[in-house]
Amino acid sequence: MAGYGFRRDLANSRLRIEVAGTEVMRLTATGAVTLYGGTLTVNSGGVTVTGTVTLPASTIAAAAIKNLNGSHFTTKADVNVIGGAALLFRIRTAGTAAGETINVTMAEGIRVVDVWIKPNTAGGAGDTIIVSKAGAAITDAILAGAANTVVRAGTIADANWDFVATDVLRVVEANGANNPVIDVYVLALRV
């Protein structure tokens, strides 16, 4: 087969594989494999790597950063066969004696599917959280319990769970006995 060949480079302890006189692959005595201008395809089985895989920065940026951006997650219809990525919003209250209202303006359409809270200090009678769509309640009043205890919303109102861009997700903390700082977690899907 003219134009294909193996060339041993004894002085540098490596084996070169050439196609039409151009090096396409290099194997070294240390076990390194270098491909030149080609693609590695594994038709069956798998690849096991022990050591380090180095990718060019441009490849990492294109594959990882772009695809992890929330704007690239697709909207999922009912009964989809490929699940959608969830969006998690974390909102921390200050635990002020007068209570607190925190507004978060949505950048895209979402559907709230779950809400839970974790008080950082013990809650007491009347220390509650309500999550709403600009005043229309999505959850019931979630009572803050013992410190670091996770408490889920008892109800999610599907009449209010859908948001479009610019709608306001509102967290209202009513402080009663203890005024705890509370982490509020809102789990949503893009719609």
C-alpha atoms as a PDB file:
ATOM      1  CA  MET A   1       0.000   0.000   0.000  1.00  0.00           C
ATOM      2  CA  ALA A   2       1.941   2.943  -1.280  1.00  0.00           C
ATOM      3  CA  GLY A   3       1.840   6.059   0.817  1.00  0.00           C
ATOM      4  CA  TYR A   4       1.135   4.328   4.144  1.00  0.00           C
ATOM      5  CA  GLY A   5       3.807   3.378   6.588  1.00  0.00           C
ATOM      6  CA  PHE A   6       5.304   3.064  10.007  1.00  0.00           C
ATOM      7  CA  ARG A   7       8.556   4.855  10.733  1.00  0.00           C
ATOM      8  CA  ARG A   8      10.541   4.053  13.845  1.00  0.00           C
ATOM      9  CA  ASP A   9      12.428   7.023  15.240  1.00  0.00           C
ATOM     10  CA  LEU A  10      14.896   5.181  17.473  1.00  0.00           C
ATOM     11  CA  ALA A  11      16.857   8.301  18.418  1.00  0.00           C
ATOM     12  CA  ASN A  12      13.727   9.865  19.973  1.00  0.00           C
ATOM     13  CA  SER A  13      12.068   6.583  21.112  1.00  0.00           C
ATOM     14  CA  ARG A  14       8.890   6.982  19.108  1.00  0.00           C
ATOM     15  CA  LEU A  15       6.895   5.386  16.321  1.00  0.00           C
ATOM     16  CA  ARG A  16       5.391   7.526  13.576  1.00  0.00           C
ATOM     17  CA  ILE A  17       2.440   6.457  11.439  1.00  0.00           C
ATOM     18  CA  GLU A  18       2.329   8.200   8.087  1.00  0.00           C
ATOM     19  CA  VAL A  19      -0.262   8.492   5.327  1.00  0.00           C
ATOM     20  CA  ALA A  20       0.892   9.791   1.958  1.00  0.00           C
ATOM     21  CA  GLY A  21       4.146  10.932   3.548  1.00  0.00           C
ATOM     22  CA  THR A  22       2.420  12.975   6.283  1.00  0.00           C
ATOM     23  CA  GLU A  23       2.624  12.002   9.943  1.00  0.00           C
ATOM     24  CA  VAL A  24      -0.904  11.347  11.274  1.00  0.00           C
ATOM     25  CA  MET A  25      -0.115   9.639  14.581  1.00  0.00           C
ATOM     26  CA  ARG A  26       2.830   9.383  16.961  1.00  0.00           C
ATOM     27  CA  LEU A  27       3.422   6.861  19.764  1.00  0.00           C
ATOM     28  CA  THR A  28       6.172   7.503  22.308  1.00  0.00           C
ATOM     29  CA  ALA A  29       8.011   5.266  24.737  1.00  0.00           C
ATOM     30  CA  THR A  30       6.243   7.017  27.628  1.00  0.00           C
ATOM     31  CA  GLY A  31       2.852   5.878  26.294  1.00  0.00           C
ATOM     32  CA  ALA A  32       1.798   9.206  24.797  1.00  0.00           C
ATOM     33  CA  VAL A  33      -0.358   9.103  21.673  1.00  0.00           C
ATOM     34  CA  THR A  34      -0.616  12.164  19.443  1.00  0.00           C
ATOM     35  CA  LEU A  35      -3.069  12.526  16.527  1.00  0.00           C
ATOM     36  CA  TYR A  36      -2.363  15.092  13.824  1.00  0.00           C
ATOM     37  CA  GLY A  37      -5.343  16.592  12.005  1.00  0.00           C
ATOM     38  CA  GLY A  38      -7.630  13.619  12.445  1.00  0.00           C
ATOM     39  CA  THR A  39     -10.448  12.216  14.529  1.00  0.00           C
ATOM     40  CA  LEU A  40     -10.309   9.270  16.907  1.00  0.00           C
ATOM     41  CA  THR A  41     -13.331   6.989  16.512  1.00  0.00           C
ATOM     42  CA  VAL A  42     -14.085   4.052  18.798  1.00  0.00           C
ATOM     43  CA  ASN A  43     -16.643   1.752  17.129  1.00  0.00           C
ATOM     44  CA  SER A  44     -17.203  -0.591  20.060  1.00  0.00           C
ATOM     45  CA  GLY A  45     -16.002  -1.005  23.601  1.00  0.00           C
ATOM     46  CA  GLY A  46     -14.678   2.075  25.297  1.00  0.00           C
ATOM     47  CA  VAL A  47     -11.685   4.178  26.094  1.00  0.00           C
ATOM     48  CA  THR A  48     -10.027   4.093  29.492  1.00  0.00           C
ATOM     49  CA  VAL A  49      -7.765   6.972  30.408  1.00  0.00           C
ATOM     50  CA  THR A  50      -5.231   6.817  33.206  1.00  0.00           C
ATOM     51  CA  GLY A  51      -3.398  10.067  33.381  1.00  0.00           C
ATOM     52  CA  THR A  52      -4.240  13.418  31.843  1.00  0.00           C
ATOM     53  CA  VAL A  53      -6.252  14.371  28.772  1.00  0.00           C
ATOM     54  CA  THR A  54      -5.433  17.834  27.477  1.00  0.00           C
ATOM     55  CA  LEU A  55      -7.868  19.682  25.217  1.00  0.00           C
ATOM     56  CA  PRO A  56      -7.329  23.020  23.518  1.00  0.00           C
ATOM     57  CA  ALA A  57      -8.931  25.914  25.412  1.00  0.00           C
ATOM     58  CA  SER A  58     -11.179  26.696  22.441  1.00  0.00           C
ATOM     59  CA  THR A  59     -12.643  23.167  22.546  1.00  0.00           C
ATOM     60  CA  ILE A  60     -13.329  23.397  26.275  1.00  0.00           C
ATOM     61  CA  ALA A  61     -14.937  26.822  25.922  1.00  0.00           C
ATOM     62  CA  ALA A  62     -17.171  25.710  23.064  1.00  0.00           C
ATOM     63  CA  ALA A  63     -18.235  22.407  24.616  1.00  0.00           C
ATOM     64  CA  ALA A  64     -18.554  23.277  28.286  1.00  0.00           C
ATOM     65  CA  ILE A  65     -19.222  26.946  28.863  1.00  0.00           C
ATOM     66  CA  LYS A  66     -21.684  27.480  26.009  1.00  0.00           C
ATOM     67  CA  ASN A  67     -23.690  24.365  26.807  1.00  0.00           C
ATOM     68  CA  LEU A  68     -23.928  25.076  30.528  1.00  0.00           C
ATOM     69  CA  ASN A  69     -25.515  28.479  29.953  1.00  0.00           C
ATOM     70  CA  GLY A  70     -29.195  28.453  30.997  1.00  0.00           C
ATOM     71  CA  SER A  71     -30.235  30.150  27.760  1.00  0.00           C
ATOM     72  CA  HIS A  72     -29.248  27.004  25.853  1.00  0.00           C
ATOM     73  CA  PHE A  73     -31.531  24.656  27.775  1.00  0.00           C
ATOM     74  CA  THR A  74     -34.487  23.662  25.649  1.00  0.00           C
ATOM     75  CA  THR A  75     -38.127  23.968  26.611  1.00  0.00           C
ATOM     76  CA  LYS A  76     -39.673  20.582  27.324  1.00  0.00           C
ATOM     77  CA  ALA A  77     -43.190  19.550  26.361  1.00  0.00           C
ATOM     78  CA  ASP A  78     -45.386  17.118  28.283  1.00  0.00           C
ATOM     79  CA  VAL A  79     -44.405  13.454  27.940  1.00  0.00           C
ATOM     80  CA  ASN A  80     -40.963  14.309  26.563  1.00  0.00           C
ATOM     81  CA  VAL A  81     -38.584  11.399  26.108  1.00  0.00           C
ATOM     82  CA  ILE A  82     -35.470  13.426  26.908  1.00  0.00           C
ATOM     83  CA  GLY A  83     -35.697  15.235  30.236  1.00  0.00           C
ATOM     84  CA  GLY A  84     -35.097  18.928  30.597  1.00  0.00           C
ATOM     85  CA  ALA A  85     -32.524  20.607  32.792  1.00  0.00           C
ATOM     86  CA  ALA A  86     -33.855  22.047  36.040  1.00  0.00           C
ATOM     87  CA  LEU A  87     -33.223  25.614  37.150  1.00  0.00           C
ATOM     88  CA  LEU A  88     -32.643  26.251  40.853  1.00  0.00           C
ATOM     89  CA  PHE A  89     -33.164  29.701  42.339  1.00  0.00           C
ATOM     90  CA  ARG A  90     -31.751  30.352  45.834  1.00  0.00           C
ATOM     91  CA  ILE A  91     -33.070  33.369  47.704  1.00  0.00           C
ATOM     92  CA  ARG A  92     -31.828  34.213  51.206  1.00  0.00           C
ATOM     93  CA  THR A  93     -33.903  36.321  53.556  1.00  0.00           C
ATOM     94  CA  ALA A  94     -32.285  38.697  56.036  1.00  0.00           C
ATOM     95  CA  GLY A  95     -34.400  37.665  59.011  1.00  0.00           C
ATOM     96  CA  THR A  96     -35.478  41.204  59.863  1.00  0.00           C
ATOM     97  CA  ALA A  97     -38.033  41.748  62.625  1.00  0.00           C
ATOM     98  CA  ALA A  98     -40.462  43.482  60.254  1.00  0.00           C
ATOM     99  CA  GLY A  99     -40.498  40.648  57.720  1.00  0.00           C
ATOM    100  CA  GLU A 100     -39.288  40.970  54.168  1.00  0.00           C
ATOM    101  CA  THR A 101     -40.415  40.863  50.525  1.00  0.00           C
ATOM    102  CA  ILE A 102     -37.842  39.875  47.893  1.00  0.00           C
ATOM    103  CA  ASN A 103     -38.668  40.260  44.179  1.00  0.00           C
ATOM    104  CA  VAL A 104     -36.769  38.433  41.439  1.00  0.00           C
ATOM    105  CA  THR A 105     -37.601  39.399  37.846  1.00  0.00           C
ATOM    106  CA  MET A 106     -37.475  36.375  35.557  1.00  0.00           C
ATOM    107  CA  ALA A 107     -35.253  36.545  32.477  1.00  0.00           C
ATOM    108  CA  GLU A 108     -37.096  33.697  30.732  1.00  0.00           C
ATOM    109  CA  GLY A 109     -40.244  31.618  30.953  1.00  0.00           C
ATOM    110  CA  ILE A 110     -40.260  29.088  33.798  1.00  0.00           C
ATOM    111  CA  ARG A 111     -42.613  26.743  35.647  1.00  0.00           C
ATOM    112  CA  VAL A 112     -42.150  26.399  39.415  1.00  0.00           C
ATOM    113  CA  VAL A 113     -42.316  22.696  40.306  1.00  0.00           C
ATOM    114  CA  ASP A 114     -41.047  22.628  43.906  1.00  0.00           C
ATOM    115  CA  VAL A 115     -40.167  24.952  46.779  1.00  0.00           C
ATOM    116  CA  TRP A 116     -38.372  24.209  50.029  1.00  0.00           C
ATOM    117  CA  ILE A 117     -36.790  26.236  52.798  1.00  0.00           C
ATOM    118  CA  LYS A 118     -33.932  25.807  55.268  1.00  0.00           C
ATOM    119  CA  PRO A 119     -33.858  28.163  58.239  1.00  0.00           C
ATOM    120  CA  ASN A 120     -30.295  28.936  59.362  1.00  0.00           C
ATOM    121  CA  THR A 121     -31.468  29.561  62.924  1.00  0.00           C
ATOM    122  CA  ALA A 122     -34.557  28.183  64.642  1.00  0.00           C
ATOM    123  CA  GLY A 123     -37.901  29.503  63.457  1.00  0.00           C
ATOM    124  CA  GLY A 124     -40.879  29.990  65.723  1.00  0.00           C
ATOM    125  CA  ALA A 125     -44.609  30.647  65.647  1.00  0.00           C
ATOM    126  CA  GLY A 126     -45.466  32.872  62.689  1.00  0.00           C
ATOM    127  CA  ASP A 127     -42.056  32.596  60.952  1.00  0.00           C
ATOM    128  CA  THR A 128     -43.272  31.670  57.465  1.00  0.00           C
ATOM    129  CA  ILE A 129     -42.358  31.905  53.783  1.00  0.00           C
ATOM    130  CA  ILE A 130     -44.800  32.244  50.880  1.00  0.00           C
ATOM    131  CA  VAL A 131     -43.596  32.097  47.264  1.00  0.00           C
ATOM    132  CA  SER A 132     -45.806  33.862  44.737  1.00  0.00           C
ATOM    133  CA  LYS A 133     -46.045  35.224  41.230  1.00  0.00           C
ATOM    134  CA  ALA A 134     -46.147  38.963  42.007  1.00  0.00           C
ATOM    135  CA  GLY A 135     -48.646  38.434  44.820  1.00  0.00           C
ATOM    136  CA  ALA A 136     -50.610  35.430  43.481  1.00  0.00           C
ATOM    137  CA  ALA A 137     -49.535  32.644  45.852  1.00  0.00           C
ATOM    138  CA  ILE A 138     -47.819  29.578  44.413  1.00  0.00           C
ATOM    139  CA  THR A 139     -47.164  27.916  47.781  1.00  0.00           C
ATOM    140  CA  ASP A 140     -48.960  27.683  51.061  1.00  0.00           C
ATOM    141  CA  ALA A 141     -47.302  29.367  54.064  1.00  0.00           C
ATOM    142  CA  ILE A 142     -44.200  27.269  54.834  1.00  0.00           C
ATOM    143  CA  LEU A 143     -43.459  27.345  58.576  1.00  0.00           C
ATOM    144  CA  ALA A 144     -39.765  27.635  59.478  1.00  0.00           C
ATOM    145  CA  GLY A 145     -38.919  24.942  62.017  1.00  0.00           C
ATOM    146  CA  ALA A 146     -35.705  23.957  63.752  1.00  0.00           C
ATOM    147  CA  ALA A 147     -32.405  25.333  62.466  1.00  0.00           C
ATOM    148  CA  ASN A 148     -31.070  23.522  59.382  1.00  0.00           C
ATOM    149  CA  THR A 149     -34.297  21.529  58.950  1.00  0.00           C
ATOM    150  CA  VAL A 150     -35.571  21.355  55.376  1.00  0.00           C
ATOM    151  CA  VAL A 151     -39.305  22.056  55.016  1.00  0.00           C
ATOM    152  CA  ARG A 152     -41.151  21.603  51.707  1.00  0.00           C
ATOM    153  CA  ALA A 153     -44.146  23.522  50.452  1.00  0.00           C
ATOM    154  CA  GLY A 154     -47.325  21.578  51.155  1.00  0.00           C
ATOM    155  CA  THR A 155     -49.009  22.818  47.982  1.00  0.00           C
ATOM    156  CA  ILE A 156     -48.064  24.252  44.581  1.00  0.00           C
ATOM    157  CA  ALA A 157     -50.841  26.224  42.849  1.00  0.00           C
ATOM    158  CA  ASP A 158     -50.698  25.293  39.180  1.00  0.00           C
ATOM    159  CA  ALA A 159     -52.826  28.336  38.306  1.00  0.00           C
ATOM    160  CA  ASN A 160     -49.830  30.544  39.232  1.00  0.00           C
ATOM    161  CA  TRP A 161     -46.760  28.391  38.569  1.00  0.00           C
ATOM    162  CA  ASP A 162     -46.011  29.552  34.991  1.00  0.00           C
ATOM    163  CA  PHE A 163     -43.920  32.689  34.416  1.00  0.00           C
ATOM    164  CA  VAL A 164     -42.934  34.558  31.275  1.00  0.00           C
ATOM    165  CA  ALA A 165     -39.864  36.774  30.995  1.00  0.00           C
ATOM    166  CA  THR A 166     -40.283  39.922  33.166  1.00  0.00           C
ATOM    167  CA  ASP A 167     -42.774  38.241  35.561  1.00  0.00           C
ATOM    168  CA  VAL A 168     -41.795  38.653  39.213  1.00  0.00           C
ATOM    169  CA  LEU A 169     -41.043  35.702  41.493  1.00  0.00           C
ATOM    170  CA  ARG A 170     -41.793  36.988  44.983  1.00  0.00           C
ATOM    171  CA  VAL A 171     -40.670  35.571  48.333  1.00  0.00           C
ATOM    172  CA  VAL A 172     -42.507  36.967  51.360  1.00  0.00           C
ATOM    173  CA  GLU A 173     -41.108  36.284  54.805  1.00  0.00           C
ATOM    174  CA  ALA A 174     -43.495  36.915  57.666  1.00  0.00           C
ATOM    175  CA  ASN A 175     -41.477  37.081  60.853  1.00  0.00           C
ATOM    176  CA  GLY A 176     -43.049  35.942  64.040  1.00  0.00           C
ATOM    177  CA  ALA A 177     -41.317  34.735  67.161  1.00  0.00           C
ATOM    178  CA  ASN A 178     -37.674  34.264  66.106  1.00  0.00           C
ATOM    179  CA  ASN A 179     -36.954  36.167  62.844  1.00  0.00           C
ATOM    180  CA  PRO A 180     -34.625  33.523  61.320  1.00  0.00           C
ATOM    181  CA  VAL A 181     -32.450  33.952  58.241  1.00  0.00           C
ATOM    182  CA  ILE A 182     -33.952  31.496  55.729  1.00  0.00           C
ATOM    183  CA  ASP A 183     -32.611  30.010  52.498  1.00  0.00           C
ATOM    184  CA  VAL A 184     -35.502  29.569  50.044  1.00  0.00           C
ATOM    185  CA  TYR A 185     -35.002  27.175  47.133  1.00  0.00           C
ATOM    186  CA  VAL A 186     -37.273  27.356  44.076  1.00  0.00           C
ATOM    187  CA  LEU A 187     -36.960  24.538  41.539  1.00  0.00           C
ATOM    188  CA  ALA A 188     -38.246  25.309  38.042  1.00  0.00           C
ATOM    189  CA  LEU A 189     -38.225  24.130  34.443  1.00  0.00           C
ATOM    190  CA  ARG A 190     -38.111  26.284  31.324  1.00  0.00           C
ATOM    191  CA  VAL A 191     -41.447  26.646  29.548  1.00  0.00           C
END
